[in-house]
Amino acid sequence: MSNKHSSKELGSLAAKILKDPNASKIEKELAGSVLSQTNTDKVTSKELESKASKVLTSEHCSDTAKSLAGSVLSQSKKSR
């Protein structure tokens, strides 16, 4: 299991994104994952890992989405 947790600051950002009607679908999906991994031992699913990887390499995604994607990937299983 991963012993990493999302930071409180990133958790706060994720909560704001989930409430933002203008946030993109992928931002909200990543934000939900970040929140679910704040102060827990939950790990990222393979499906979300794949999406987060694509966000990091996309020139069309916001810096916010990329920050969330980085956090989500840091919560993934190292054995994958």
PDB file of N, CA and C in Angstrom:
ATOM      1  N   MET A   1       0.822  -1.194   0.000  1.00  0.00           N
ATOM      2  CA  MET A   1       0.000   0.000   0.000  1.00  0.00           C
ATOM      3  C   MET A   1       0.858   1.247   0.000  1.00  0.00           C
ATOM      4  N   SER A   2       0.351   2.285  -0.554  1.00  0.00           N
ATOM      5  CA  SER A   2       1.036   3.568  -0.576  1.00  0.00           C
ATOM      6  C   SER A   2       0.937   4.210   0.796  1.00  0.00           C
ATOM      7  N   ASN A   3       2.044   4.781   1.258  1.00  0.00           N
ATOM      8  CA  ASN A   3       1.982   5.493   2.524  1.00  0.00           C
ATOM      9  C   ASN A   3       1.994   6.996   2.300  1.00  0.00           C
ATOM     10  N   LYS A   4       1.794   7.398   1.070  1.00  0.00           N
ATOM     11  CA  LYS A   4       1.722   8.817   0.735  1.00  0.00           C
ATOM     12  C   LYS A   4       0.278   9.281   0.836  1.00  0.00           C
ATOM     13  N   HIS A   5       0.111  10.543   1.173  1.00  0.00           N
ATOM     14  CA  HIS A   5      -1.226  11.132   1.278  1.00  0.00           C
ATOM     15  C   HIS A   5      -1.223  12.456   0.531  1.00  0.00           C
ATOM     16  N   SER A   6      -2.364  12.848   0.022  1.00  0.00           N
ATOM     17  CA  SER A   6      -2.490  14.170  -0.588  1.00  0.00           C
ATOM     18  C   SER A   6      -2.328  15.221   0.506  1.00  0.00           C
ATOM     19  N   SER A   7      -1.668  16.319   0.181  1.00  0.00           N
ATOM     20  CA  SER A   7      -1.465  17.382   1.165  1.00  0.00           C
ATOM     21  C   SER A   7      -2.779  18.085   1.484  1.00  0.00           C
ATOM     22  N   LYS A   8      -2.820  18.737   2.637  1.00  0.00           N
ATOM     23  CA  LYS A   8      -4.019  19.486   3.018  1.00  0.00           C
ATOM     24  C   LYS A   8      -4.280  20.612   2.025  1.00  0.00           C
ATOM     25  N   GLU A   9      -3.204  21.241   1.543  1.00  0.00           N
ATOM     26  CA  GLU A   9      -3.359  22.339   0.582  1.00  0.00           C
ATOM     27  C   GLU A   9      -3.996  21.838  -0.712  1.00  0.00           C
ATOM     28  N   LEU A  10      -3.515  20.702  -1.186  1.00  0.00           N
ATOM     29  CA  LEU A  10      -4.076  20.148  -2.418  1.00  0.00           C
ATOM     30  C   LEU A  10      -5.496  19.648  -2.181  1.00  0.00           C
ATOM     31  N   GLY A  11      -5.754  19.140  -0.998  1.00  0.00           N
ATOM     32  CA  GLY A  11      -7.111  18.727  -0.643  1.00  0.00           C
ATOM     33  C   GLY A  11      -8.064  19.901  -0.651  1.00  0.00           C
ATOM     34  N   SER A  12      -7.584  21.044  -0.160  1.00  0.00           N
ATOM     35  CA  SER A  12      -8.396  22.263  -0.154  1.00  0.00           C
ATOM     36  C   SER A  12      -8.678  22.730  -1.581  1.00  0.00           C
ATOM     37  N   LEU A  13      -7.654  22.691  -2.426  1.00  0.00           N
ATOM     38  CA  LEU A  13      -7.828  23.057  -3.838  1.00  0.00           C
ATOM     39  C   LEU A  13      -8.828  22.108  -4.500  1.00  0.00           C
ATOM     40  N   ALA A  14      -8.705  20.833  -4.215  1.00  0.00           N
ATOM     41  CA  ALA A  14      -9.613  19.840  -4.801  1.00  0.00           C
ATOM     42  C   ALA A  14     -11.057  20.114  -4.400  1.00  0.00           C
ATOM     43  N   ALA A  15     -11.269  20.472  -3.142  1.00  0.00           N
ATOM     44  CA  ALA A  15     -12.627  20.776  -2.674  1.00  0.00           C
ATOM     45  C   ALA A  15     -13.199  21.977  -3.420  1.00  0.00           C
ATOM     46  N   LYS A  16     -12.365  22.992  -3.655  1.00  0.00           N
ATOM     47  CA  LYS A  16     -12.815  24.184  -4.392  1.00  0.00           C
ATOM     48  C   LYS A  16     -13.167  23.827  -5.832  1.00  0.00           C
ATOM     49  N   ILE A  17     -12.367  22.970  -6.433  1.00  0.00           N
ATOM     50  CA  ILE A  17     -12.621  22.568  -7.818  1.00  0.00           C
ATOM     51  C   ILE A  17     -13.949  21.827  -7.930  1.00  0.00           C
ATOM     52  N   LEU A  18     -14.220  20.960  -6.974  1.00  0.00           N
ATOM     53  CA  LEU A  18     -15.478  20.204  -7.017  1.00  0.00           C
ATOM     54  C   LEU A  18     -16.694  21.113  -6.910  1.00  0.00           C
ATOM     55  N   LYS A  19     -16.535  22.257  -6.274  1.00  0.00           N
ATOM     56  CA  LYS A  19     -17.645  23.212  -6.134  1.00  0.00           C
ATOM     57  C   LYS A  19     -17.721  24.197  -7.299  1.00  0.00           C
ATOM     58  N   ASP A  20     -16.676  24.247  -8.118  1.00  0.00           N
ATOM     59  CA  ASP A  20     -16.589  25.218  -9.210  1.00  0.00           C
ATOM     60  C   ASP A  20     -17.374  24.734 -10.432  1.00  0.00           C
ATOM     61  N   PRO A  21     -18.431  25.454 -10.806  1.00  0.00           N
ATOM     62  CA  PRO A  21     -19.221  25.022 -11.969  1.00  0.00           C
ATOM     63  C   PRO A  21     -18.461  25.140 -13.291  1.00  0.00           C
ATOM     64  N   ASN A  22     -17.366  25.900 -13.298  1.00  0.00           N
ATOM     65  CA  ASN A  22     -16.590  26.080 -14.523  1.00  0.00           C
ATOM     66  C   ASN A  22     -15.415  25.115 -14.640  1.00  0.00           C
ATOM     67  N   ALA A  23     -15.194  24.293 -13.635  1.00  0.00           N
ATOM     68  CA  ALA A  23     -14.090  23.328 -13.679  1.00  0.00           C
ATOM     69  C   ALA A  23     -14.408  22.246 -14.710  1.00  0.00           C
ATOM     70  N   SER A  24     -13.369  21.771 -15.367  1.00  0.00           N
ATOM     71  CA  SER A  24     -13.564  20.735 -16.386  1.00  0.00           C
ATOM     72  C   SER A  24     -13.888  19.388 -15.741  1.00  0.00           C
ATOM     73  N   LYS A  25     -14.398  18.496 -16.551  1.00  0.00           N
ATOM     74  CA  LYS A  25     -14.757  17.154 -16.075  1.00  0.00           C
ATOM     75  C   LYS A  25     -13.527  16.435 -15.522  1.00  0.00           C
ATOM     76  N   ILE A  26     -12.407  16.526 -16.227  1.00  0.00           N
ATOM     77  CA  ILE A  26     -11.199  15.829 -15.770  1.00  0.00           C
ATOM     78  C   ILE A  26     -10.671  16.458 -14.485  1.00  0.00           C
ATOM     79  N   GLU A  27     -10.763  17.789 -14.350  1.00  0.00           N
ATOM     80  CA  GLU A  27     -10.342  18.432 -13.103  1.00  0.00           C
ATOM     81  C   GLU A  27     -11.175  17.911 -11.934  1.00  0.00           C
ATOM     82  N   LYS A  28     -12.475  17.788 -12.155  1.00  0.00           N
ATOM     83  CA  LYS A  28     -13.351  17.298 -11.084  1.00  0.00           C
ATOM     84  C   LYS A  28     -13.068  15.832 -10.757  1.00  0.00           C
ATOM     85  N   GLU A  29     -12.801  15.039 -11.767  1.00  0.00           N
ATOM     86  CA  GLU A  29     -12.495  13.629 -11.535  1.00  0.00           C
ATOM     87  C   GLU A  29     -11.192  13.479 -10.740  1.00  0.00           C
ATOM     88  N   LEU A  30     -10.182  14.242 -11.140  1.00  0.00           N
ATOM     89  CA  LEU A  30      -8.905  14.196 -10.425  1.00  0.00           C
ATOM     90  C   LEU A  30      -9.054  14.751  -9.010  1.00  0.00           C
ATOM     91  N   ALA A  31      -9.828  15.821  -8.879  1.00  0.00           N
ATOM     92  CA  ALA A  31     -10.054  16.429  -7.560  1.00  0.00           C
ATOM     93  C   ALA A  31     -10.734  15.438  -6.620  1.00  0.00           C
ATOM     94  N   GLY A  32     -11.693  14.700  -7.130  1.00  0.00           N
ATOM     95  CA  GLY A  32     -12.364  13.690  -6.317  1.00  0.00           C
ATOM     96  C   GLY A  32     -11.392  12.627  -5.831  1.00  0.00           C
ATOM     97  N   SER A  33     -10.484  12.237  -6.696  1.00  0.00           N
ATOM     98  CA  SER A  33      -9.485  11.246  -6.312  1.00  0.00           C
ATOM     99  C   SER A  33      -8.539  11.808  -5.257  1.00  0.00           C
ATOM    100  N   VAL A  34      -8.103  13.048  -5.461  1.00  0.00           N
ATOM    101  CA  VAL A  34      -7.212  13.688  -4.485  1.00  0.00           C
ATOM    102  C   VAL A  34      -7.886  13.742  -3.119  1.00  0.00           C
ATOM    103  N   LEU A  35      -9.146  14.158  -3.092  1.00  0.00           N
ATOM    104  CA  LEU A  35      -9.859  14.237  -1.811  1.00  0.00           C
ATOM    105  C   LEU A  35     -10.003  12.865  -1.161  1.00  0.00           C
ATOM    106  N   SER A  36     -10.267  11.859  -1.958  1.00  0.00           N
ATOM    107  CA  SER A  36     -10.446  10.518  -1.391  1.00  0.00           C
ATOM    108  C   SER A  36      -9.135   9.962  -0.850  1.00  0.00           C
ATOM    109  N   GLN A  37      -8.015  10.544  -1.274  1.00  0.00           N
ATOM    110  CA  GLN A  37      -6.706  10.068  -0.835  1.00  0.00           C
ATOM    111  C   GLN A  37      -6.077  10.966   0.224  1.00  0.00           C
ATOM    112  N   THR A  38      -6.817  11.949   0.698  1.00  0.00           N
ATOM    113  CA  THR A  38      -6.311  12.826   1.744  1.00  0.00           C
ATOM    114  C   THR A  38      -6.499  12.124   3.086  1.00  0.00           C
ATOM    115  N   ASN A  39      -5.401  11.908   3.783  1.00  0.00           N
ATOM    116  CA  ASN A  39      -5.399  11.243   5.098  1.00  0.00           C
ATOM    117  C   ASN A  39      -5.964   9.826   5.073  1.00  0.00           C
ATOM    118  N   THR A  40      -5.784   9.127   3.966  1.00  0.00           N
ATOM    119  CA  THR A  40      -6.188   7.718   3.881  1.00  0.00           C
ATOM    120  C   THR A  40      -5.081   6.939   3.186  1.00  0.00           C
ATOM    121  N   ASP A  41      -5.204   5.637   3.160  1.00  0.00           N
ATOM    122  CA  ASP A  41      -4.238   4.792   2.459  1.00  0.00           C
ATOM    123  C   ASP A  41      -4.772   4.314   1.114  1.00  0.00           C
ATOM    124  N   LYS A  42      -5.792   4.986   0.599  1.00  0.00           N
ATOM    125  CA  LYS A  42      -6.352   4.596  -0.695  1.00  0.00           C
ATOM    126  C   LYS A  42      -5.325   4.862  -1.791  1.00  0.00           C
ATOM    127  N   VAL A  43      -5.359   4.039  -2.831  1.00  0.00           N
ATOM    128  CA  VAL A  43      -4.455   4.207  -3.962  1.00  0.00           C
ATOM    129  C   VAL A  43      -5.265   4.458  -5.231  1.00  0.00           C
ATOM    130  N   THR A  44      -4.605   5.007  -6.211  1.00  0.00           N
ATOM    131  CA  THR A  44      -5.227   5.361  -7.480  1.00  0.00           C
ATOM    132  C   THR A  44      -5.522   4.114  -8.314  1.00  0.00           C
ATOM    133  N   SER A  45      -6.677   4.105  -8.961  1.00  0.00           N
ATOM    134  CA  SER A  45      -7.035   2.991  -9.851  1.00  0.00           C
ATOM    135  C   SER A  45      -6.197   3.060 -11.125  1.00  0.00           C
ATOM    136  N   LYS A  46      -6.080   1.929 -11.813  1.00  0.00           N
ATOM    137  CA  LYS A  46      -5.341   1.892 -13.082  1.00  0.00           C
ATOM    138  C   LYS A  46      -5.944   2.864 -14.088  1.00  0.00           C
ATOM    139  N   GLU A  47      -7.271   2.898 -14.133  1.00  0.00           N
ATOM    140  CA  GLU A  47      -7.968   3.762 -15.092  1.00  0.00           C
ATOM    141  C   GLU A  47      -7.631   5.231 -14.849  1.00  0.00           C
ATOM    142  N   LEU A  48      -7.675   5.647 -13.595  1.00  0.00           N
ATOM    143  CA  LEU A  48      -7.386   7.045 -13.290  1.00  0.00           C
ATOM    144  C   LEU A  48      -5.901   7.346 -13.461  1.00  0.00           C
ATOM    145  N   GLU A  49      -5.049   6.370 -13.200  1.00  0.00           N
ATOM    146  CA  GLU A  49      -3.613   6.528 -13.451  1.00  0.00           C
ATOM    147  C   GLU A  49      -3.378   6.881 -14.913  1.00  0.00           C
ATOM    148  N   SER A  50      -4.054   6.152 -15.790  1.00  0.00           N
ATOM    149  CA  SER A  50      -3.912   6.373 -17.224  1.00  0.00           C
ATOM    150  C   SER A  50      -4.377   7.773 -17.611  1.00  0.00           C
ATOM    151  N   LYS A  51      -5.524   8.188 -17.079  1.00  0.00           N
ATOM    152  CA  LYS A  51      -6.040   9.527 -17.377  1.00  0.00           C
ATOM    153  C   LYS A  51      -5.091  10.602 -16.860  1.00  0.00           C
ATOM    154  N   ALA A  52      -4.580  10.412 -15.651  1.00  0.00           N
ATOM    155  CA  ALA A  52      -3.674  11.398 -15.055  1.00  0.00           C
ATOM    156  C   ALA A  52      -2.394  11.515 -15.877  1.00  0.00           C
ATOM    157  N   SER A  53      -1.890  10.400 -16.374  1.00  0.00           N
ATOM    158  CA  SER A  53      -0.692  10.422 -17.219  1.00  0.00           C
ATOM    159  C   SER A  53      -0.931  11.232 -18.484  1.00  0.00           C
ATOM    160  N   LYS A  54      -2.112  11.056 -19.067  1.00  0.00           N
ATOM    161  CA  LYS A  54      -2.449  11.802 -20.283  1.00  0.00           C
ATOM    162  C   LYS A  54      -2.568  13.294 -20.003  1.00  0.00           C
ATOM    163  N   VAL A  55      -3.111  13.645 -18.837  1.00  0.00           N
ATOM    164  CA  VAL A  55      -3.234  15.058 -18.457  1.00  0.00           C
ATOM    165  C   VAL A  55      -1.849  15.690 -18.376  1.00  0.00           C
ATOM    166  N   LEU A  56      -0.904  14.982 -17.757  1.00  0.00           N
ATOM    167  CA  LEU A  56       0.439  15.537 -17.586  1.00  0.00           C
ATOM    168  C   LEU A  56       1.148  15.785 -18.912  1.00  0.00           C
ATOM    169  N   THR A  57       0.822  15.010 -19.922  1.00  0.00           N
ATOM    170  CA  THR A  57       1.487  15.169 -21.214  1.00  0.00           C
ATOM    171  C   THR A  57       0.687  16.008 -22.204  1.00  0.00           C
ATOM    172  N   SER A  58      -0.492  16.438 -21.801  1.00  0.00           N
ATOM    173  CA  SER A  58      -1.355  17.219 -22.692  1.00  0.00           C
ATOM    174  C   SER A  58      -1.011  18.699 -22.637  1.00  0.00           C
ATOM    175  N   GLU A  59      -0.985  19.321 -23.797  1.00  0.00           N
ATOM    176  CA  GLU A  59      -0.766  20.773 -23.825  1.00  0.00           C
ATOM    177  C   GLU A  59      -2.083  21.529 -23.655  1.00  0.00           C
ATOM    178  N   HIS A  60      -3.189  20.807 -23.624  1.00  0.00           N
ATOM    179  CA  HIS A  60      -4.509  21.431 -23.525  1.00  0.00           C
ATOM    180  C   HIS A  60      -5.052  21.494 -22.101  1.00  0.00           C
ATOM    181  N   CYS A  61      -4.407  20.816 -21.167  1.00  0.00           N
ATOM    182  CA  CYS A  61      -4.900  20.785 -19.786  1.00  0.00           C
ATOM    183  C   CYS A  61      -4.298  21.922 -18.969  1.00  0.00           C
ATOM    184  N   SER A  62      -5.073  22.396 -18.021  1.00  0.00           N
ATOM    185  CA  SER A  62      -4.645  23.515 -17.171  1.00  0.00           C
ATOM    186  C   SER A  62      -3.547  23.083 -16.201  1.00  0.00           C
ATOM    187  N   ASP A  63      -2.847  24.084 -15.660  1.00  0.00           N
ATOM    188  CA  ASP A  63      -1.838  23.808 -14.638  1.00  0.00           C
ATOM    189  C   ASP A  63      -2.480  23.170 -13.411  1.00  0.00           C
ATOM    190  N   THR A  64      -3.700  23.583 -13.106  1.00  0.00           N
ATOM    191  CA  THR A  64      -4.427  23.005 -11.972  1.00  0.00           C
ATOM    192  C   THR A  64      -4.654  21.515 -12.200  1.00  0.00           C
ATOM    193  N   ALA A  65      -5.112  21.164 -13.390  1.00  0.00           N
ATOM    194  CA  ALA A  65      -5.339  19.752 -13.714  1.00  0.00           C
ATOM    195  C   ALA A  65      -4.033  18.970 -13.618  1.00  0.00           C
ATOM    196  N   LYS A  66      -2.947  19.572 -14.061  1.00  0.00           N
ATOM    197  CA  LYS A  66      -1.649  18.893 -14.010  1.00  0.00           C
ATOM    198  C   LYS A  66      -1.170  18.705 -12.572  1.00  0.00           C
ATOM    199  N   SER A  67      -1.429  19.676 -11.714  1.00  0.00           N
ATOM    200  CA  SER A  67      -1.068  19.532 -10.294  1.00  0.00           C
ATOM    201  C   SER A  67      -1.843  18.387  -9.659  1.00  0.00           C
ATOM    202  N   LEU A  68      -3.134  18.345  -9.947  1.00  0.00           N
ATOM    203  CA  LEU A  68      -3.969  17.265  -9.423  1.00  0.00           C
ATOM    204  C   LEU A  68      -3.511  15.915  -9.974  1.00  0.00           C
ATOM    205  N   ALA A  69      -3.197  15.881 -11.263  1.00  0.00           N
ATOM    206  CA  ALA A  69      -2.756  14.634 -11.892  1.00  0.00           C
ATOM    207  C   ALA A  69      -1.463  14.132 -11.254  1.00  0.00           C
ATOM    208  N   GLY A  70      -0.553  15.047 -10.960  1.00  0.00           N
ATOM    209  CA  GLY A  70       0.696  14.656 -10.306  1.00  0.00           C
ATOM    210  C   GLY A  70       0.445  14.039  -8.949  1.00  0.00           C
ATOM    211  N   SER A  71      -0.468  14.622  -8.205  1.00  0.00           N
ATOM    212  CA  SER A  71      -0.809  14.083  -6.889  1.00  0.00           C
ATOM    213  C   SER A  71      -1.449  12.708  -7.017  1.00  0.00           C
ATOM    214  N   VAL A  72      -2.361  12.578  -7.956  1.00  0.00           N
ATOM    215  CA  VAL A  72      -3.041  11.298  -8.177  1.00  0.00           C
ATOM    216  C   VAL A  72      -2.021  10.214  -8.532  1.00  0.00           C
ATOM    217  N   LEU A  73      -1.076  10.544  -9.400  1.00  0.00           N
ATOM    218  CA  LEU A  73      -0.071   9.552  -9.791  1.00  0.00           C
ATOM    219  C   LEU A  73       0.860   9.203  -8.638  1.00  0.00           C
ATOM    220  N   SER A  74       1.113  10.149  -7.765  1.00  0.00           N
ATOM    221  CA  SER A  74       1.985   9.858  -6.621  1.00  0.00           C
ATOM    222  C   SER A  74       1.326   8.886  -5.647  1.00  0.00           C
ATOM    223  N   GLN A  75       0.015   8.724  -5.751  1.00  0.00           N
ATOM    224  CA  GLN A  75      -0.726   7.800  -4.884  1.00  0.00           C
ATOM    225  C   GLN A  75      -0.885   6.417  -5.517  1.00  0.00           C
ATOM    226  N   SER A  76      -0.325   6.230  -6.707  1.00  0.00           N
ATOM    227  CA  SER A  76      -0.525   4.957  -7.402  1.00  0.00           C
ATOM    228  C   SER A  76       0.377   3.870  -6.825  1.00  0.00           C
ATOM    229  N   LYS A  77       0.030   2.632  -7.127  1.00  0.00           N
ATOM    230  CA  LYS A  77       0.843   1.498  -6.683  1.00  0.00           C
ATOM    231  C   LYS A  77       2.140   1.490  -7.471  1.00  0.00           C
ATOM    232  N   LYS A  78       3.243   1.356  -6.793  1.00  0.00           N
ATOM    233  CA  LYS A  78       4.539   1.346  -7.469  1.00  0.00           C
ATOM    234  C   LYS A  78       4.750   0.079  -8.287  1.00  0.00           C
ATOM    235  N   SER A  79       4.056  -0.986  -7.950  1.00  0.00           N
ATOM    236  CA  SER A  79       4.256  -2.257  -8.649  1.00  0.00           C
ATOM    237  C   SER A  79       3.631  -2.290 -10.036  1.00  0.00           C
ATOM    238  N   ARG A  80       2.817  -1.286 -10.372  1.00  0.00           N
ATOM    239  CA  ARG A  80       2.181  -1.282 -11.700  1.00  0.00           C
ATOM    240  C   ARG A  80       3.134  -0.777 -12.739  1.00  0.00           C
TER     241      ARG A  80
END
